[in-house]
Amino acid sequence: PDTVVAEDTFFKILAYAEKQENLGAIGCKLIDGSGKFLPESKRNVPKPKVALKKLLGNPDLYYTTEIDEHSIGKAPVFVGAFMLLKKAVYQEVGGFDEDYFMYGEDIDLSYRIIKAGYDNYYFPETQIIHYKGESTKKGSLNYVKVFYEAMLIFARKHFSSKQAKLYSIAIYLAIFIKGSLTLVSNFMQKALMPLLDFILAFGGLVLVKDFWSLKAKAEQNFYPDEFTFYVLPGYILIWLLTSKQ
C-alpha cells in the first residue's frame, strides 16, 4: 500500500538479474515521497553490535556504507518494500517466516538467502517511491512493540544463546526507552494546545480582572486571591472540557 514502482524498474532489474550467476535477491534504490534517499535500501545484518549502536543513536553500521547510494554492489539485507528473487531461491530458503507479524521478516529472509550461499545485490539504476508510515503509524506504542519483538525473534533464531541473551537485554531496554519517549511525545502533542489555551485564557482573565478592579471598583485588590487562583482556573477548565471535541 505504500510503494510506487517506476515504469522501467522491472525491465532494468530483470535484465541485470539475468547476468548474475549466484543471485539471491536484488533490492533497488528507495526514495521517500519528497525524493529523499532512504538508507534502508541497503542494510547490514542487525547483529548485536550493529543493533546496539543503532539503539544508542548511531545507525551507521545498520546500513551498508561500503557502497554508496548510486553504486551497484553486494548488500546483505533489503527492506520488504522491494525484494526481487527467483521463485526457486524463495522456496529453497523456506519463504517468509510466519513467526513475524509485520517487521523483521524481510531481514530474516535476506539473511537466510545469504546463509544458503547466495549473493544479494543492491541495484540503484532504478528506483521506487516508498511512502514510509502508510502501512503503520510509527509514532504509536504498537509499532514500538511489534518492531522490537520482531528483532527478538530474529536474534533467537540466528544468534548463539549468549548473543541472543545480550540482544534481548538491549531490545527490552530499547522498548522501555522508546515506549516512554513515545508516551511523552504523544501526551505532549495532545496536551500542548489545551495547555496554551489555558495559559492564554488565564492571562487574559487576570488582565480583565485587574482592569475591572481599578476602573469600575477603584480598588486594585477588589477580588480576593481565591477568585484568581481557584475560580478563574476552574472556569477555564470547565470551558476547555466542554469546548474540545
Protein backbone atom coordinates (compact mmCIF):
# COMPACT_ATOMS: atom_id res chain seq x y z
CA PRO A 1 0.00 0.00 0.00
CA ASP A 2 2.98 2.34 0.27
CA THR A 3 5.09 1.96 -2.88
CA VAL A 4 5.13 3.36 -6.41
CA VAL A 5 7.23 1.48 -8.98
CA ALA A 6 8.87 3.27 -11.91
CA GLU A 7 7.95 2.31 -15.47
CA ASP A 8 11.40 0.84 -16.13
CA THR A 9 12.00 -0.84 -12.76
CA PHE A 10 11.20 -4.42 -13.72
CA PHE A 11 12.82 -4.18 -17.17
CA LYS A 12 16.14 -2.91 -15.77
CA ILE A 13 16.29 -5.09 -12.71
CA LEU A 14 15.38 -8.28 -14.58
CA ALA A 15 17.99 -7.52 -17.25
CA TYR A 16 20.61 -7.17 -14.51
CA ALA A 17 19.40 -10.30 -12.69
CA GLU A 18 19.82 -12.46 -15.79
CA LYS A 19 23.56 -11.66 -15.87
CA GLN A 20 24.23 -12.87 -12.30
CA GLU A 21 25.30 -16.46 -11.71
CA ASN A 22 24.81 -16.80 -7.94
CA LEU A 23 21.88 -14.48 -7.49
CA GLY A 24 19.96 -14.40 -4.26
CA ALA A 25 17.82 -11.26 -4.00
CA ILE A 26 18.00 -7.83 -5.58
CA GLY A 27 16.94 -4.59 -3.97
CA CYS A 28 16.68 -1.24 -5.74
CA LYS A 29 17.05 2.37 -4.65
CA LEU A 30 14.23 3.58 -2.42
CA ILE A 31 13.22 7.21 -2.05
CA ASP A 32 10.51 8.77 0.07
CA GLY A 33 7.63 10.94 -1.16
CA SER A 34 9.86 14.03 -1.25
CA GLY A 35 12.58 12.33 -3.30
CA LYS A 36 14.98 11.77 -0.40
CA PHE A 37 17.12 8.63 -0.48
CA LEU A 38 16.18 6.03 2.13
CA PRO A 39 19.27 4.39 3.68
CA GLU A 40 17.35 1.21 4.47
CA SER A 41 17.58 0.48 0.73
CA LYS A 42 20.72 -1.49 1.71
CA ARG A 43 21.22 -2.73 5.25
CA ASN A 44 23.60 -4.89 7.25
CA VAL A 45 22.55 -7.90 9.28
CA PRO A 46 21.46 -6.50 12.69
CA LYS A 47 23.95 -8.45 14.78
CA PRO A 48 24.28 -7.42 18.47
CA LYS A 49 26.98 -4.79 17.90
CA VAL A 50 25.13 -3.29 14.93
CA ALA A 51 21.77 -3.27 16.72
CA LEU A 52 23.23 -1.81 19.91
CA LYS A 53 24.84 1.08 18.06
CA LYS A 54 21.55 1.81 16.29
CA LEU A 55 19.66 1.75 19.59
CA LEU A 56 22.21 4.20 21.01
CA GLY A 57 21.54 6.59 18.15
CA ASN A 58 24.38 5.66 15.77
CA PRO A 59 22.78 3.84 12.82
CA ASP A 60 25.85 3.93 10.53
CA LEU A 61 26.66 0.24 10.98
CA TYR A 62 23.00 -0.64 10.49
CA TYR A 63 23.15 0.48 6.86
CA THR A 64 25.61 -0.76 4.24
CA THR A 65 28.14 2.03 3.75
CA GLU A 66 30.67 0.02 1.71
CA ILE A 67 28.79 1.09 -1.41
CA ASP A 68 27.18 4.47 -1.90
CA GLU A 69 23.57 5.01 -2.91
CA HIS A 70 24.46 5.31 -6.62
CA SER A 71 26.70 2.21 -6.91
CA ILE A 72 25.79 -1.39 -7.66
CA GLY A 73 27.16 -3.84 -5.13
CA LYS A 74 26.52 -6.62 -2.66
CA ALA A 75 24.32 -5.77 0.31
CA PRO A 76 23.18 -8.30 2.93
CA VAL A 77 19.68 -7.09 3.78
CA PHE A 78 16.85 -5.36 1.94
CA VAL A 79 13.67 -3.77 3.15
CA GLY A 80 10.45 -5.62 2.32
CA ALA A 81 9.16 -2.69 0.27
CA PHE A 82 11.06 -4.15 -2.69
CA MET A 83 12.84 -7.51 -2.99
CA LEU A 84 13.18 -9.44 -6.22
CA LEU A 85 14.34 -13.08 -6.21
CA LYS A 86 13.76 -16.27 -8.13
CA LYS A 87 10.91 -18.48 -7.04
CA ALA A 88 13.33 -21.40 -6.70
CA VAL A 89 15.51 -19.47 -4.24
CA TYR A 90 12.47 -18.33 -2.29
CA GLN A 91 11.25 -21.92 -1.96
CA GLU A 92 14.71 -23.27 -1.14
CA VAL A 93 15.12 -21.00 1.90
CA GLY A 94 11.54 -21.56 3.05
CA GLY A 95 9.99 -18.22 2.10
CA PHE A 96 8.85 -15.67 4.64
CA ASP A 97 8.78 -16.86 8.23
CA GLU A 98 5.27 -16.52 9.65
CA ASP A 99 6.62 -16.18 13.21
CA TYR A 100 6.94 -12.49 12.35
CA PHE A 101 3.82 -10.35 12.31
CA MET A 102 4.87 -7.33 10.30
CA TYR A 103 8.51 -6.33 10.82
CA GLY A 104 11.66 -8.43 10.64
CA GLU A 105 10.53 -10.95 8.04
CA ASP A 106 12.44 -9.08 5.30
CA ILE A 107 15.63 -9.07 7.38
CA ASP A 108 15.15 -12.76 8.17
CA LEU A 109 14.55 -13.73 4.53
CA SER A 110 17.56 -11.72 3.31
CA TYR A 111 19.80 -13.32 5.92
CA ARG A 112 18.65 -16.87 5.15
CA ILE A 113 19.37 -16.28 1.45
CA ILE A 114 22.96 -15.31 2.33
CA LYS A 115 23.34 -18.27 4.68
CA ALA A 116 22.21 -20.54 1.82
CA GLY A 117 25.25 -19.34 -0.16
CA TYR A 118 23.68 -16.78 -2.49
CA ASP A 119 24.65 -13.15 -3.12
CA ASN A 120 22.27 -10.26 -2.56
CA TYR A 121 22.73 -7.20 -4.76
CA TYR A 122 21.79 -3.55 -4.43
CA PHE A 123 20.81 -2.12 -7.84
CA PRO A 124 20.30 1.68 -7.82
CA GLU A 125 19.89 2.23 -11.57
CA THR A 126 16.15 2.23 -10.99
CA GLN A 127 14.18 3.44 -8.04
CA ILE A 128 10.79 3.23 -6.37
CA ILE A 129 8.97 5.56 -4.04
CA HIS A 130 8.35 4.18 -0.56
CA TYR A 131 5.83 6.22 1.38
CA LYS A 132 7.06 5.25 4.84
CA GLY A 133 4.45 5.11 7.54
CA GLU A 134 1.48 4.37 5.29
CA SER A 135 1.14 0.77 6.46
CA THR A 136 1.66 1.60 10.16
CA LYS A 137 1.89 4.67 12.33
CA LYS A 138 5.46 4.78 13.62
CA GLY A 139 4.58 7.11 16.46
CA SER A 140 2.41 4.51 18.12
CA LEU A 141 3.27 2.24 21.03
CA ASN A 142 2.06 -0.70 18.98
CA TYR A 143 4.74 0.00 16.35
CA VAL A 144 7.46 0.10 19.01
CA LYS A 145 6.26 -3.18 20.50
CA VAL A 146 5.85 -5.06 17.20
CA PHE A 147 9.13 -3.83 15.69
CA TYR A 148 11.36 -4.71 18.63
CA GLU A 149 9.63 -8.01 19.29
CA ALA A 150 10.47 -8.91 15.68
CA MET A 151 14.12 -8.20 16.42
CA LEU A 152 13.92 -10.58 19.39
CA ILE A 153 12.57 -13.35 17.15
CA PHE A 154 15.44 -12.77 14.72
CA ALA A 155 18.05 -12.91 17.49
CA ARG A 156 16.69 -16.15 18.95
CA LYS A 157 16.65 -17.78 15.50
CA HIS A 158 20.08 -16.82 14.23
CA PHE A 159 22.39 -15.97 17.13
CA SER A 160 24.03 -18.07 19.83
CA SER A 161 22.22 -18.26 23.16
CA LYS A 162 24.73 -15.85 24.74
CA GLN A 163 24.40 -13.35 21.91
CA ALA A 164 20.61 -13.69 21.92
CA LYS A 165 20.51 -13.02 25.68
CA LEU A 166 22.58 -9.85 25.35
CA TYR A 167 20.48 -8.82 22.36
CA SER A 168 17.28 -9.38 24.35
CA ILE A 169 18.51 -7.16 27.18
CA ALA A 170 19.31 -4.38 24.71
CA ILE A 171 15.95 -4.81 22.98
CA TYR A 172 13.92 -4.68 26.19
CA LEU A 173 15.85 -1.59 27.21
CA ALA A 174 15.07 -0.06 23.82
CA ILE A 175 11.38 -0.93 24.17
CA PHE A 176 11.29 0.79 27.56
CA ILE A 177 13.11 3.90 26.33
CA LYS A 178 11.27 4.15 23.00
CA GLY A 179 7.94 3.41 24.65
CA SER A 180 8.49 6.06 27.31
CA LEU A 181 9.53 8.64 24.72
CA THR A 182 6.52 7.77 22.59
CA LEU A 183 4.16 8.17 25.54
CA VAL A 184 5.67 11.53 26.47
CA SER A 185 5.63 12.69 22.85
CA ASN A 186 2.00 11.64 22.31
CA PHE A 187 0.97 13.27 25.57
CA MET A 188 2.75 16.50 24.72
CA GLN A 189 1.17 16.63 21.27
CA LYS A 190 -2.29 16.20 22.76
CA ALA A 191 -1.74 18.41 25.79
CA LEU A 192 0.24 21.28 24.25
CA MET A 193 -2.63 23.16 22.62
CA PRO A 194 -5.02 22.86 25.60
CA LEU A 195 -2.17 24.00 27.86
CA LEU A 196 -1.54 27.04 25.67
CA ASP A 197 -5.28 27.75 25.63
CA PHE A 198 -5.33 27.59 29.43
CA ILE A 199 -2.33 29.93 29.81
CA LEU A 200 -3.71 32.47 27.33
CA ALA A 201 -7.20 32.37 28.83
CA PHE A 202 -5.91 32.67 32.39
CA GLY A 203 -3.62 35.56 31.49
CA GLY A 204 -6.42 37.35 29.67
CA LEU A 205 -8.91 36.95 32.51
CA VAL A 206 -6.36 38.16 35.08
CA LEU A 207 -5.79 41.30 32.99
CA VAL A 208 -9.54 41.88 32.69
CA LYS A 209 -9.96 41.31 36.44
CA ASP A 210 -7.21 43.83 37.31
CA PHE A 211 -8.57 46.38 34.81
CA TRP A 212 -12.11 46.00 36.19
CA SER A 213 -10.85 46.32 39.77
CA LEU A 214 -9.15 49.64 39.06
CA LYS A 215 -11.65 51.21 36.66
CA ALA A 216 -15.01 50.01 37.96
CA LYS A 217 -14.28 49.32 41.63
CA ALA A 218 -11.42 51.82 42.12
CA GLU A 219 -9.63 49.23 44.22
CA GLN A 220 -6.62 47.25 43.00
CA ASN A 221 -7.22 44.21 45.21
CA PHE A 222 -11.02 44.16 44.99
CA TYR A 223 -11.09 40.45 44.10
CA PRO A 224 -9.61 38.03 46.70
CA ASP A 225 -6.78 35.63 45.86
CA GLU A 226 -9.22 32.71 45.99
CA PHE A 227 -11.01 34.20 42.99
CA THR A 228 -7.76 34.39 40.99
CA PHE A 229 -6.34 31.00 41.90
CA TYR A 230 -9.49 28.88 42.22
CA VAL A 231 -12.47 30.46 40.48
CA LEU A 232 -10.73 31.55 37.28
CA PRO A 233 -8.81 28.27 36.72
CA GLY A 234 -11.98 26.29 37.47
CA TYR A 235 -13.96 28.34 34.98
CA ILE A 236 -11.25 27.88 32.29
CA LEU A 237 -11.08 24.11 32.87
CA ILE A 238 -14.87 23.81 32.51
CA TRP A 239 -14.71 25.88 29.35
CA LEU A 240 -11.89 23.76 27.87
CA LEU A 241 -13.53 20.44 28.77
CA THR A 242 -16.87 21.39 27.27
CA SER A 243 -15.50 23.09 24.14
CA LYS A 244 -12.96 20.42 22.99
CA GLN A 245 -14.22 17.54 20.89
